[in-house]
Amino acid sequence: MTYSLFTDGGSRGNPGPGAIGVVIENEKGETIYELSKYIGKCTNNEAEYSALIAGLKLAQKKGFNDLKVYIDSELITKQINGEYRVKSSNLKKFYIEAANFRKVFDKLEFIHVKRHKNKKADALVNEALDSNGF
């Protein structure tokens, strides 16, 4: 069974208060897991990577082996797919951790989507920031 993982991260200010949103759906498109979490001060890209890593960890914990990952950050998607080099030293540790998940899953695909196709994860980011007074 192929599961869909939608991730989003954001900060209000860059850097600023940051949060992540993660949604996992089954093959029928039904949401089976959600995560909304405030992560503290970070950049937008750090939040995006944090969301990706949190989602991959959740999928691994649940025993999912076939995963399509949808990310609305073109930069993160192109970096994780090897199309862009990771130049920022502060992002390299995030990239390495995320890239190492390729060894964990039988099938793992990273796909860039427009923001409107990632509404649930985006809403979870805003929910975490709003509920923490940001």
Protein backbone atom coordinates (compact mmCIF):
# COMPACT_ATOMS: atom_id res chain seq x y z
CA MET A 1 0.00 0.00 0.00
CA THR A 2 1.30 3.46 -0.92
CA TYR A 3 0.82 6.19 1.68
CA SER A 4 0.94 9.92 1.02
CA LEU A 5 2.89 12.20 3.33
CA PHE A 6 2.25 15.94 3.15
CA THR A 7 4.68 18.19 5.03
CA ASP A 8 4.93 21.91 5.58
CA GLY A 9 6.98 24.13 7.80
CA GLY A 10 7.02 27.84 8.30
CA SER A 11 8.21 30.68 10.43
CA ARG A 12 6.73 34.07 11.09
CA GLY A 13 9.77 36.15 10.40
CA ASN A 14 12.86 34.61 8.88
CA PRO A 15 14.12 33.58 11.34
CA GLY A 16 11.20 33.71 13.72
CA PRO A 17 8.76 31.49 15.60
CA GLY A 18 8.43 28.27 13.60
CA ALA A 19 6.09 25.33 13.35
CA ILE A 20 5.53 22.16 11.36
CA GLY A 21 2.52 20.40 9.91
CA VAL A 22 2.41 16.77 8.83
CA VAL A 23 -0.45 14.77 7.28
CA ILE A 24 -0.38 11.10 6.30
CA GLU A 25 -3.13 9.74 4.06
CA ASN A 26 -3.94 6.20 3.00
CA GLU A 27 -4.52 5.17 -0.62
CA LYS A 28 -8.13 6.34 -0.42
CA GLY A 29 -6.98 9.87 0.45
CA GLU A 30 -8.24 9.56 4.02
CA THR A 31 -6.20 11.32 6.70
CA ILE A 32 -4.91 8.73 9.14
CA TYR A 33 -2.30 10.79 11.06
CA GLU A 34 -1.72 14.48 11.68
CA LEU A 35 0.96 16.42 13.51
CA SER A 36 0.95 20.11 14.37
CA LYS A 37 3.89 21.31 16.45
CA TYR A 38 5.58 24.55 17.46
CA ILE A 39 9.37 24.15 17.09
CA GLY A 40 10.76 27.50 18.27
CA LYS A 41 12.87 30.07 16.48
CA CYS A 42 14.05 28.96 13.05
CA THR A 43 14.16 29.92 9.38
CA ASN A 44 11.48 28.89 6.90
CA ASN A 45 13.80 26.32 5.32
CA GLU A 46 14.75 24.84 8.70
CA ALA A 47 11.03 24.50 9.47
CA GLU A 48 10.41 22.83 6.09
CA TYR A 49 13.16 20.28 6.72
CA SER A 50 11.97 19.73 10.31
CA ALA A 51 8.48 18.94 9.01
CA LEU A 52 9.88 16.54 6.43
CA ILE A 53 11.98 14.70 9.01
CA ALA A 54 9.10 14.54 11.52
CA GLY A 55 6.82 13.10 8.84
CA LEU A 56 9.37 10.51 7.76
CA LYS A 57 9.93 9.48 11.38
CA LEU A 58 6.18 9.10 11.91
CA ALA A 59 5.81 7.01 8.75
CA GLN A 60 8.73 4.82 9.80
CA LYS A 61 7.28 4.36 13.30
CA LYS A 62 3.96 3.25 11.78
CA GLY A 63 5.75 0.71 9.58
CA PHE A 64 4.90 2.24 6.21
CA ASN A 65 7.34 1.08 3.50
CA ASP A 66 5.96 2.76 0.37
CA LEU A 67 5.68 6.53 0.63
CA LYS A 68 5.03 9.47 -1.66
CA VAL A 69 6.10 12.70 0.03
CA TYR A 70 4.50 15.97 -1.07
CA ILE A 71 6.37 19.18 -0.23
CA ASP A 72 5.42 22.72 -1.24
CA SER A 73 8.98 24.02 -0.89
CA GLU A 74 10.63 23.81 -4.28
CA LEU A 75 14.06 24.35 -2.71
CA ILE A 76 13.74 21.47 -0.25
CA THR A 77 12.28 19.15 -2.91
CA LYS A 78 15.08 19.89 -5.37
CA GLN A 79 17.74 19.52 -2.69
CA ILE A 80 16.41 16.18 -1.42
CA ASN A 81 16.13 14.92 -5.02
CA GLY A 82 19.73 15.94 -5.77
CA GLU A 83 18.85 18.63 -8.30
CA TYR A 84 20.29 21.43 -6.11
CA ARG A 85 23.33 21.34 -3.89
CA VAL A 86 22.84 22.22 -0.23
CA LYS A 87 25.01 25.31 0.12
CA SER A 88 23.79 26.52 3.50
CA SER A 89 25.82 25.00 6.31
CA ASN A 90 22.88 25.19 8.73
CA LEU A 91 20.70 23.14 6.33
CA LYS A 92 23.25 20.38 5.66
CA LYS A 93 22.50 18.50 8.90
CA PHE A 94 18.76 18.57 8.07
CA TYR A 95 19.44 17.40 4.52
CA ILE A 96 21.65 14.52 5.65
CA GLU A 97 19.08 13.32 8.19
CA ALA A 98 16.25 13.49 5.64
CA ALA A 99 18.31 11.86 2.86
CA ASN A 100 19.23 8.94 5.14
CA PHE A 101 15.56 7.90 5.16
CA ARG A 102 16.07 6.59 1.60
CA LYS A 103 17.69 3.57 3.28
CA VAL A 104 14.68 3.04 5.58
CA PHE A 105 11.80 2.79 3.10
CA ASP A 106 11.36 0.28 0.28
CA LYS A 107 9.95 3.03 -1.94
CA LEU A 108 10.29 6.75 -1.25
CA GLU A 109 9.45 9.53 -3.67
CA PHE A 110 9.68 13.29 -3.06
CA ILE A 111 7.28 15.43 -5.11
CA HIS A 112 6.96 19.20 -5.26
CA VAL A 113 3.37 20.51 -5.11
CA LYS A 114 1.89 23.96 -5.21
CA ARG A 115 0.75 25.40 -1.89
CA HIS A 116 -2.97 24.90 -2.67
CA LYS A 117 -2.36 21.13 -2.88
CA ASN A 118 -0.83 21.16 0.61
CA LYS A 119 -3.61 22.97 2.48
CA LYS A 120 -3.98 20.53 5.38
CA ALA A 121 -0.30 20.59 6.35
CA ASP A 122 -0.19 24.38 5.91
CA ALA A 123 -3.22 24.78 8.18
CA LEU A 124 -1.50 22.66 10.86
CA VAL A 125 1.54 24.98 10.75
CA ASN A 126 -0.66 28.02 11.25
CA GLU A 127 -2.63 26.28 13.99
CA ALA A 128 0.58 25.57 15.95
CA LEU A 129 1.81 29.16 15.55
CA ASP A 130 -1.57 30.68 16.45
CA SER A 131 -2.01 28.48 19.52
CA ASN A 132 1.44 29.56 20.77
CA GLY A 133 0.57 33.25 20.46
CA PHE A 134 2.39 33.98 17.22
